[in-house]
């Protein structure tokens, strides 16, 4: 069981590092001058298909994995 705990800890640390990097690479949420004219631009409609949209998706996936791994490692059943 010690090997499983070690593997999960390594995955947990890698998840934390990748999550930190992805969050730092994301753009700010400031809307700028585009929000004055209504804000419903082509960029906002297709944000999910863009690179920034993929960063947001991976942030959510890695955050859930981080929380699940933290809970599993905290159970102390290993």
PDB file of N, CA and C in Angstrom:
ATOM      1  N   UNK A   1       0.804  -1.202   0.000  1.00  0.00           N
ATOM      2  CA  UNK A   1       0.000   0.000   0.000  1.00  0.00           C
ATOM      3  C   UNK A   1       0.847   1.266   0.000  1.00  0.00           C
ATOM      4  N   UNK A   2       2.079   1.163   0.429  1.00  0.00           N
ATOM      5  CA  UNK A   2       2.958   2.317   0.435  1.00  0.00           C
ATOM      6  C   UNK A   2       3.280   2.800  -0.973  1.00  0.00           C
ATOM      7  N   UNK A   3       3.342   1.849  -1.908  1.00  0.00           N
ATOM      8  CA  UNK A   3       3.627   2.215  -3.294  1.00  0.00           C
ATOM      9  C   UNK A   3       2.464   3.010  -3.879  1.00  0.00           C
ATOM     10  N   UNK A   4       1.238   2.589  -3.586  1.00  0.00           N
ATOM     11  CA  UNK A   4       0.057   3.300  -4.081  1.00  0.00           C
ATOM     12  C   UNK A   4       0.004   4.728  -3.542  1.00  0.00           C
ATOM     13  N   UNK A   5       0.317   4.889  -2.259  1.00  0.00           N
ATOM     14  CA  UNK A   5       0.335   6.227  -1.654  1.00  0.00           C
ATOM     15  C   UNK A   5       1.413   7.097  -2.304  1.00  0.00           C
ATOM     16  N   UNK A   6       2.573   6.516  -2.607  1.00  0.00           N
ATOM     17  CA  UNK A   6       3.645   7.260  -3.257  1.00  0.00           C
ATOM     18  C   UNK A   6       3.246   7.691  -4.664  1.00  0.00           C
ATOM     19  N   UNK A   7       2.620   6.782  -5.405  1.00  0.00           N
ATOM     20  CA  UNK A   7       2.176   7.108  -6.765  1.00  0.00           C
ATOM     21  C   UNK A   7       1.123   8.212  -6.732  1.00  0.00           C
ATOM     22  N   UNK A   8       0.160   8.104  -5.825  1.00  0.00           N
ATOM     23  CA  UNK A   8      -0.869   9.129  -5.712  1.00  0.00           C
ATOM     24  C   UNK A   8      -0.287  10.478  -5.276  1.00  0.00           C
ATOM     25  N   UNK A   9       0.708  10.455  -4.435  1.00  0.00           N
ATOM     26  CA  UNK A   9       1.353  11.700  -4.010  1.00  0.00           C
ATOM     27  C   UNK A   9       2.087  12.359  -5.169  1.00  0.00           C
ATOM     28  N   UNK A  10       2.764  11.568  -5.984  1.00  0.00           N
ATOM     29  CA  UNK A  10       3.460  12.114  -7.156  1.00  0.00           C
ATOM     30  C   UNK A  10       2.452  12.712  -8.135  1.00  0.00           C
ATOM     31  N   UNK A  11       1.346  11.999  -8.373  1.00  0.00           N
ATOM     32  CA  UNK A  11       0.304  12.531  -9.261  1.00  0.00           C
ATOM     33  C   UNK A  11      -0.281  13.811  -8.685  1.00  0.00           C
ATOM     34  N   UNK A  12      -0.462  13.854  -7.372  1.00  0.00           N
ATOM     35  CA  UNK A  12      -0.998  15.037  -6.690  1.00  0.00           C
ATOM     36  C   UNK A  12      -0.082  16.246  -6.874  1.00  0.00           C
ATOM     37  N   UNK A  13       1.205  16.035  -6.716  1.00  0.00           N
ATOM     38  CA  UNK A  13       2.173  17.134  -6.872  1.00  0.00           C
ATOM     39  C   UNK A  13       2.218  17.607  -8.321  1.00  0.00           C
ATOM     40  N   UNK A  14       2.226  16.675  -9.270  1.00  0.00           N
ATOM     41  CA  UNK A  14       2.223  17.054 -10.685  1.00  0.00           C
ATOM     42  C   UNK A  14       0.943  17.807 -11.050  1.00  0.00           C
ATOM     43  N   UNK A  15      -0.175  17.363 -10.515  1.00  0.00           N
ATOM     44  CA  UNK A  15      -1.445  18.045 -10.743  1.00  0.00           C
ATOM     45  C   UNK A  15      -1.390  19.475 -10.208  1.00  0.00           C
ATOM     46  N   UNK A  16      -0.829  19.642  -9.025  1.00  0.00           N
ATOM     47  CA  UNK A  16      -0.723  20.980  -8.442  1.00  0.00           C
ATOM     48  C   UNK A  16       0.163  21.894  -9.290  1.00  0.00           C
ATOM     49  N   UNK A  17       1.273  21.363  -9.791  1.00  0.00           N
ATOM     50  CA  UNK A  17       2.177  22.168 -10.611  1.00  0.00           C
ATOM     51  C   UNK A  17       1.528  22.567 -11.940  1.00  0.00           C
ATOM     52  N   UNK A  18       0.896  21.607 -12.603  1.00  0.00           N
ATOM     53  CA  UNK A  18       0.253  21.901 -13.891  1.00  0.00           C
ATOM     54  C   UNK A  18      -0.911  22.861 -13.690  1.00  0.00           C
ATOM     55  N   UNK A  19      -1.678  22.675 -12.625  1.00  0.00           N
ATOM     56  CA  UNK A  19      -2.791  23.572 -12.331  1.00  0.00           C
ATOM     57  C   UNK A  19      -2.294  24.998 -12.097  1.00  0.00           C
ATOM     58  N   UNK A  20      -1.217  25.145 -11.377  1.00  0.00           N
ATOM     59  CA  UNK A  20      -0.640  26.466 -11.135  1.00  0.00           C
ATOM     60  C   UNK A  20      -0.186  27.117 -12.435  1.00  0.00           C
ATOM     61  N   UNK A  21       0.470  26.359 -13.287  1.00  0.00           N
ATOM     62  CA  UNK A  21       0.959  26.905 -14.560  1.00  0.00           C
ATOM     63  C   UNK A  21      -0.196  27.340 -15.448  1.00  0.00           C
ATOM     64  N   UNK A  22      -1.243  26.507 -15.537  1.00  0.00           N
ATOM     65  CA  UNK A  22      -2.382  26.855 -16.396  1.00  0.00           C
ATOM     66  C   UNK A  22      -3.095  28.096 -15.877  1.00  0.00           C
ATOM     67  N   UNK A  23      -3.247  28.212 -14.578  1.00  0.00           N
ATOM     68  CA  UNK A  23      -3.906  29.399 -14.012  1.00  0.00           C
ATOM     69  C   UNK A  23      -3.086  30.651 -14.304  1.00  0.00           C
ATOM     70  N   UNK A  24      -1.775  30.549 -14.197  1.00  0.00           N
ATOM     71  CA  UNK A  24      -0.922  31.712 -14.467  1.00  0.00           C
ATOM     72  C   UNK A  24      -0.917  32.093 -15.946  1.00  0.00           C
ATOM     73  N   UNK A  25      -1.166  31.147 -16.841  1.00  0.00           N
ATOM     74  CA  UNK A  25      -1.179  31.436 -18.276  1.00  0.00           C
ATOM     75  C   UNK A  25      -2.493  32.054 -18.746  1.00  0.00           C
ATOM     76  N   UNK A  26      -3.530  31.979 -17.923  1.00  0.00           N
ATOM     77  CA  UNK A  26      -4.824  32.506 -18.337  1.00  0.00           C
ATOM     78  C   UNK A  26      -4.828  34.023 -18.342  1.00  0.00           C
ATOM     79  N   UNK A  27      -5.683  34.566 -19.218  1.00  0.00           N
ATOM     80  CA  UNK A  27      -5.831  36.013 -19.296  1.00  0.00           C
ATOM     81  C   UNK A  27      -6.735  36.487 -18.176  1.00  0.00           C
ATOM     82  N   UNK A  28      -6.654  37.785 -17.885  1.00  0.00           N
ATOM     83  CA  UNK A  28      -7.496  38.367 -16.862  1.00  0.00           C
ATOM     84  C   UNK A  28      -8.945  38.439 -17.299  1.00  0.00           C
ATOM     85  N   UNK A  29      -9.826  38.654 -16.350  1.00  0.00           N
ATOM     86  CA  UNK A  29     -11.257  38.728 -16.646  1.00  0.00           C
ATOM     87  C   UNK A  29     -11.708  40.146 -16.961  1.00  0.00           C
ATOM     88  N   UNK A  30     -10.800  41.093 -17.037  1.00  0.00           N
ATOM     89  CA  UNK A  30     -11.203  42.464 -17.327  1.00  0.00           C
ATOM     90  C   UNK A  30     -11.729  42.544 -18.753  1.00  0.00           C
ATOM     91  N   UNK A  31     -12.875  43.176 -18.913  1.00  0.00           N
ATOM     92  CA  UNK A  31     -13.529  43.213 -20.209  1.00  0.00           C
ATOM     93  C   UNK A  31     -12.976  44.315 -21.104  1.00  0.00           C
ATOM     94  N   UNK A  32     -12.392  45.324 -20.535  1.00  0.00           N
ATOM     95  CA  UNK A  32     -11.846  46.409 -21.334  1.00  0.00           C
ATOM     96  C   UNK A  32     -12.938  47.278 -21.928  1.00  0.00           C
ATOM     97  N   UNK A  33     -12.645  47.938 -23.030  1.00  0.00           N
ATOM     98  CA  UNK A  33     -13.608  48.827 -23.670  1.00  0.00           C
ATOM     99  C   UNK A  33     -14.675  48.081 -24.445  1.00  0.00           C
ATOM    100  N   UNK A  34     -14.494  46.800 -24.694  1.00  0.00           N
ATOM    101  CA  UNK A  34     -15.485  46.032 -25.442  1.00  0.00           C
ATOM    102  C   UNK A  34     -16.802  45.883 -24.715  1.00  0.00           C
ATOM    103  N   UNK A  35     -16.783  45.959 -23.399  1.00  0.00           N
ATOM    104  CA  UNK A  35     -18.021  45.786 -22.646  1.00  0.00           C
ATOM    105  C   UNK A  35     -18.910  47.021 -22.699  1.00  0.00           C
ATOM    106  N   UNK A  36     -18.375  48.157 -23.090  1.00  0.00           N
ATOM    107  CA  UNK A  36     -19.167  49.380 -23.151  1.00  0.00           C
ATOM    108  C   UNK A  36     -20.204  49.291 -24.267  1.00  0.00           C
ATOM    109  N   UNK A  37     -19.850  48.675 -25.384  1.00  0.00           N
ATOM    110  CA  UNK A  37     -20.732  48.616 -26.546  1.00  0.00           C
ATOM    111  C   UNK A  37     -21.672  47.408 -26.509  1.00  0.00           C
ATOM    112  N   UNK A  38     -21.809  46.758 -25.422  1.00  0.00           N
ATOM    113  CA  UNK A  38     -22.715  45.610 -25.332  1.00  0.00           C
ATOM    114  C   UNK A  38     -22.009  44.336 -24.953  1.00  0.00           C
ATOM    115  N   UNK A  39     -20.788  44.156 -25.398  1.00  0.00           N
ATOM    116  CA  UNK A  39     -19.971  43.033 -24.970  1.00  0.00           C
ATOM    117  C   UNK A  39     -20.266  41.693 -25.628  1.00  0.00           C
ATOM    118  N   UNK A  40     -21.264  41.582 -26.469  1.00  0.00           N
ATOM    119  CA  UNK A  40     -21.578  40.306 -27.102  1.00  0.00           C
ATOM    120  C   UNK A  40     -20.826  40.188 -28.422  1.00  0.00           C
ATOM    121  N   UNK A  41     -19.550  40.003 -28.337  1.00  0.00           N
ATOM    122  CA  UNK A  41     -18.702  39.975 -29.525  1.00  0.00           C
ATOM    123  C   UNK A  41     -18.516  38.546 -30.026  1.00  0.00           C
ATOM    124  N   UNK A  42     -17.892  38.415 -31.159  1.00  0.00           N
ATOM    125  CA  UNK A  42     -17.581  37.107 -31.730  1.00  0.00           C
ATOM    126  C   UNK A  42     -16.694  36.319 -30.777  1.00  0.00           C
ATOM    127  N   UNK A  43     -15.770  36.996 -30.132  1.00  0.00           N
ATOM    128  CA  UNK A  43     -14.846  36.338 -29.199  1.00  0.00           C
ATOM    129  C   UNK A  43     -15.598  35.697 -28.045  1.00  0.00           C
ATOM    130  N   UNK A  44     -16.593  36.399 -27.493  1.00  0.00           N
ATOM    131  CA  UNK A  44     -17.318  35.861 -26.358  1.00  0.00           C
ATOM    132  C   UNK A  44     -18.225  34.704 -26.767  1.00  0.00           C
ATOM    133  N   UNK A  45     -18.763  34.729 -27.974  1.00  0.00           N
ATOM    134  CA  UNK A  45     -19.640  33.659 -28.426  1.00  0.00           C
ATOM    135  C   UNK A  45     -18.868  32.371 -28.682  1.00  0.00           C
ATOM    136  N   UNK A  46     -17.636  32.461 -29.139  1.00  0.00           N
ATOM    137  CA  UNK A  46     -16.842  31.286 -29.493  1.00  0.00           C
ATOM    138  C   UNK A  46     -15.681  31.055 -28.536  1.00  0.00           C
ATOM    139  N   UNK A  47     -15.802  31.516 -27.307  1.00  0.00           N
ATOM    140  CA  UNK A  47     -14.705  31.409 -26.356  1.00  0.00           C
ATOM    141  C   UNK A  47     -14.407  29.952 -25.992  1.00  0.00           C
ATOM    142  N   UNK A  48     -15.416  29.096 -25.979  1.00  0.00           N
ATOM    143  CA  UNK A  48     -15.214  27.694 -25.627  1.00  0.00           C
ATOM    144  C   UNK A  48     -14.351  26.947 -26.617  1.00  0.00           C
ATOM    145  N   UNK A  49     -14.305  27.395 -27.855  1.00  0.00           N
ATOM    146  CA  UNK A  49     -13.501  26.723 -28.891  1.00  0.00           C
ATOM    147  C   UNK A  49     -12.086  27.279 -28.987  1.00  0.00           C
ATOM    148  N   UNK A  50     -11.802  28.313 -28.267  1.00  0.00           N
ATOM    149  CA  UNK A  50     -10.497  28.962 -28.370  1.00  0.00           C
ATOM    150  C   UNK A  50      -9.495  28.317 -27.412  1.00  0.00           C
ATOM    151  N   UNK A  51      -8.265  28.758 -27.490  1.00  0.00           N
ATOM    152  CA  UNK A  51      -7.217  28.268 -26.596  1.00  0.00           C
ATOM    153  C   UNK A  51      -7.541  28.663 -25.161  1.00  0.00           C
ATOM    154  N   UNK A  52      -8.048  29.862 -24.973  1.00  0.00           N
ATOM    155  CA  UNK A  52      -8.408  30.320 -23.632  1.00  0.00           C
ATOM    156  C   UNK A  52      -9.543  29.477 -23.060  1.00  0.00           C
ATOM    157  N   UNK A  53     -10.479  29.092 -23.901  1.00  0.00           N
ATOM    158  CA  UNK A  53     -11.568  28.226 -23.453  1.00  0.00           C
ATOM    159  C   UNK A  53     -11.072  26.861 -23.025  1.00  0.00           C
ATOM    160  N   UNK A  54     -10.077  26.349 -23.738  1.00  0.00           N
ATOM    161  CA  UNK A  54      -9.492  25.059 -23.370  1.00  0.00           C
ATOM    162  C   UNK A  54      -8.715  25.163 -22.056  1.00  0.00           C
ATOM    163  N   UNK A  55      -8.069  26.299 -21.822  1.00  0.00           N
ATOM    164  CA  UNK A  55      -7.372  26.496 -20.545  1.00  0.00           C
ATOM    165  C   UNK A  55      -8.359  26.496 -19.389  1.00  0.00           C
ATOM    166  N   UNK A  56      -9.512  27.125 -19.597  1.00  0.00           N
ATOM    167  CA  UNK A  56     -10.528  27.159 -18.548  1.00  0.00           C
ATOM    168  C   UNK A  56     -11.062  25.750 -18.285  1.00  0.00           C
ATOM    169  N   UNK A  57     -11.290  24.982 -19.342  1.00  0.00           N
ATOM    170  CA  UNK A  57     -11.765  23.614 -19.184  1.00  0.00           C
ATOM    171  C   UNK A  57     -10.760  22.762 -18.422  1.00  0.00           C
ATOM    172  N   UNK A  58      -9.485  22.846 -18.797  1.00  0.00           N
ATOM    173  CA  UNK A  58      -8.456  22.059 -18.115  1.00  0.00           C
ATOM    174  C   UNK A  58      -8.246  22.513 -16.675  1.00  0.00           C
ATOM    175  N   UNK A  59      -8.476  23.794 -16.408  1.00  0.00           N
ATOM    176  CA  UNK A  59      -8.390  24.276 -15.033  1.00  0.00           C
ATOM    177  C   UNK A  59      -9.454  23.601 -14.182  1.00  0.00           C
ATOM    178  N   UNK A  60     -10.665  23.500 -14.711  1.00  0.00           N
ATOM    179  CA  UNK A  60     -11.748  22.858 -13.964  1.00  0.00           C
ATOM    180  C   UNK A  60     -11.463  21.378 -13.741  1.00  0.00           C
ATOM    181  N   UNK A  61     -10.980  20.692 -14.781  1.00  0.00           N
ATOM    182  CA  UNK A  61     -10.690  19.262 -14.661  1.00  0.00           C
ATOM    183  C   UNK A  61      -9.580  19.017 -13.639  1.00  0.00           C
ATOM    184  N   UNK A  62      -8.509  19.790 -13.732  1.00  0.00           N
ATOM    185  CA  UNK A  62      -7.387  19.609 -12.804  1.00  0.00           C
ATOM    186  C   UNK A  62      -7.749  20.000 -11.379  1.00  0.00           C
ATOM    187  N   UNK A  63      -8.624  20.991 -11.218  1.00  0.00           N
ATOM    188  CA  UNK A  63      -9.053  21.384  -9.872  1.00  0.00           C
ATOM    189  C   UNK A  63      -9.866  20.277  -9.213  1.00  0.00           C
ATOM    190  N   UNK A  64     -10.741  19.639  -9.977  1.00  0.00           N
ATOM    191  CA  UNK A  64     -11.519  18.519  -9.435  1.00  0.00           C
ATOM    192  C   UNK A  64     -10.583  17.359  -9.085  1.00  0.00           C
ATOM    193  N   UNK A  65      -9.640  17.059  -9.959  1.00  0.00           N
ATOM    194  CA  UNK A  65      -8.678  15.986  -9.688  1.00  0.00           C
ATOM    195  C   UNK A  65      -7.850  16.304  -8.450  1.00  0.00           C
ATOM    196  N   UNK A  66      -7.474  17.564  -8.277  1.00  0.00           N
ATOM    197  CA  UNK A  66      -6.700  17.984  -7.114  1.00  0.00           C
ATOM    198  C   UNK A  66      -7.486  17.746  -5.829  1.00  0.00           C
ATOM    199  N   UNK A  67      -8.748  18.128  -5.826  1.00  0.00           N
ATOM    200  CA  UNK A  67      -9.571  17.965  -4.627  1.00  0.00           C
ATOM    201  C   UNK A  67      -9.808  16.491  -4.324  1.00  0.00           C
ATOM    202  N   UNK A  68     -10.090  15.701  -5.356  1.00  0.00           N
ATOM    203  CA  UNK A  68     -10.318  14.266  -5.151  1.00  0.00           C
ATOM    204  C   UNK A  68      -9.059  13.591  -4.618  1.00  0.00           C
ATOM    205  N   UNK A  69      -7.912  13.908  -5.202  1.00  0.00           N
ATOM    206  CA  UNK A  69      -6.659  13.317  -4.718  1.00  0.00           C
ATOM    207  C   UNK A  69      -6.344  13.761  -3.297  1.00  0.00           C
ATOM    208  N   UNK A  70      -6.620  15.007  -2.975  1.00  0.00           N
ATOM    209  CA  UNK A  70      -6.381  15.485  -1.613  1.00  0.00           C
ATOM    210  C   UNK A  70      -7.253  14.727  -0.612  1.00  0.00           C
ATOM    211  N   UNK A  71      -8.513  14.490  -0.979  1.00  0.00           N
ATOM    212  CA  UNK A  71      -9.398  13.739  -0.084  1.00  0.00           C
ATOM    213  C   UNK A  71      -8.954  12.291   0.053  1.00  0.00           C
ATOM    214  N   UNK A  72      -8.552  11.671  -1.042  1.00  0.00           N
ATOM    215  CA  UNK A  72      -8.099  10.276  -0.992  1.00  0.00           C
ATOM    216  C   UNK A  72      -6.834  10.150  -0.147  1.00  0.00           C
ATOM    217  N   UNK A  73      -5.894  11.069  -0.353  1.00  0.00           N
ATOM    218  CA  UNK A  73      -4.646  10.998   0.420  1.00  0.00           C
ATOM    219  C   UNK A  73      -4.858  11.303   1.901  1.00  0.00           C
ATOM    220  N   UNK A  74      -5.921  12.023   2.210  1.00  0.00           N
ATOM    221  CA  UNK A  74      -6.192  12.384   3.610  1.00  0.00           C
ATOM    222  C   UNK A  74      -6.934  11.285   4.369  1.00  0.00           C
ATOM    223  N   UNK A  75      -7.416  10.266   3.679  1.00  0.00           N
ATOM    224  CA  UNK A  75      -8.150   9.193   4.353  1.00  0.00           C
ATOM    225  C   UNK A  75      -7.278   8.335   5.255  1.00  0.00           C
ATOM    226  N   UNK A  76      -5.991   8.280   4.973  1.00  0.00           N
ATOM    227  CA  UNK A  76      -5.029   7.501   5.745  1.00  0.00           C
ATOM    228  C   UNK A  76      -5.370   6.005   5.789  1.00  0.00           C
ATOM    229  N   UNK A  77      -5.859   5.483   4.684  1.00  0.00           N
ATOM    230  CA  UNK A  77      -6.125   4.036   4.620  1.00  0.00           C
ATOM    231  C   UNK A  77      -4.964   3.291   3.978  1.00  0.00           C
ATOM    232  N   UNK A  78      -3.964   4.019   3.555  1.00  0.00           N
ATOM    233  CA  UNK A  78      -2.821   3.393   2.893  1.00  0.00           C
ATOM    234  C   UNK A  78      -1.726   3.119   3.883  1.00  0.00           C
TER     235      UNK A  78
END
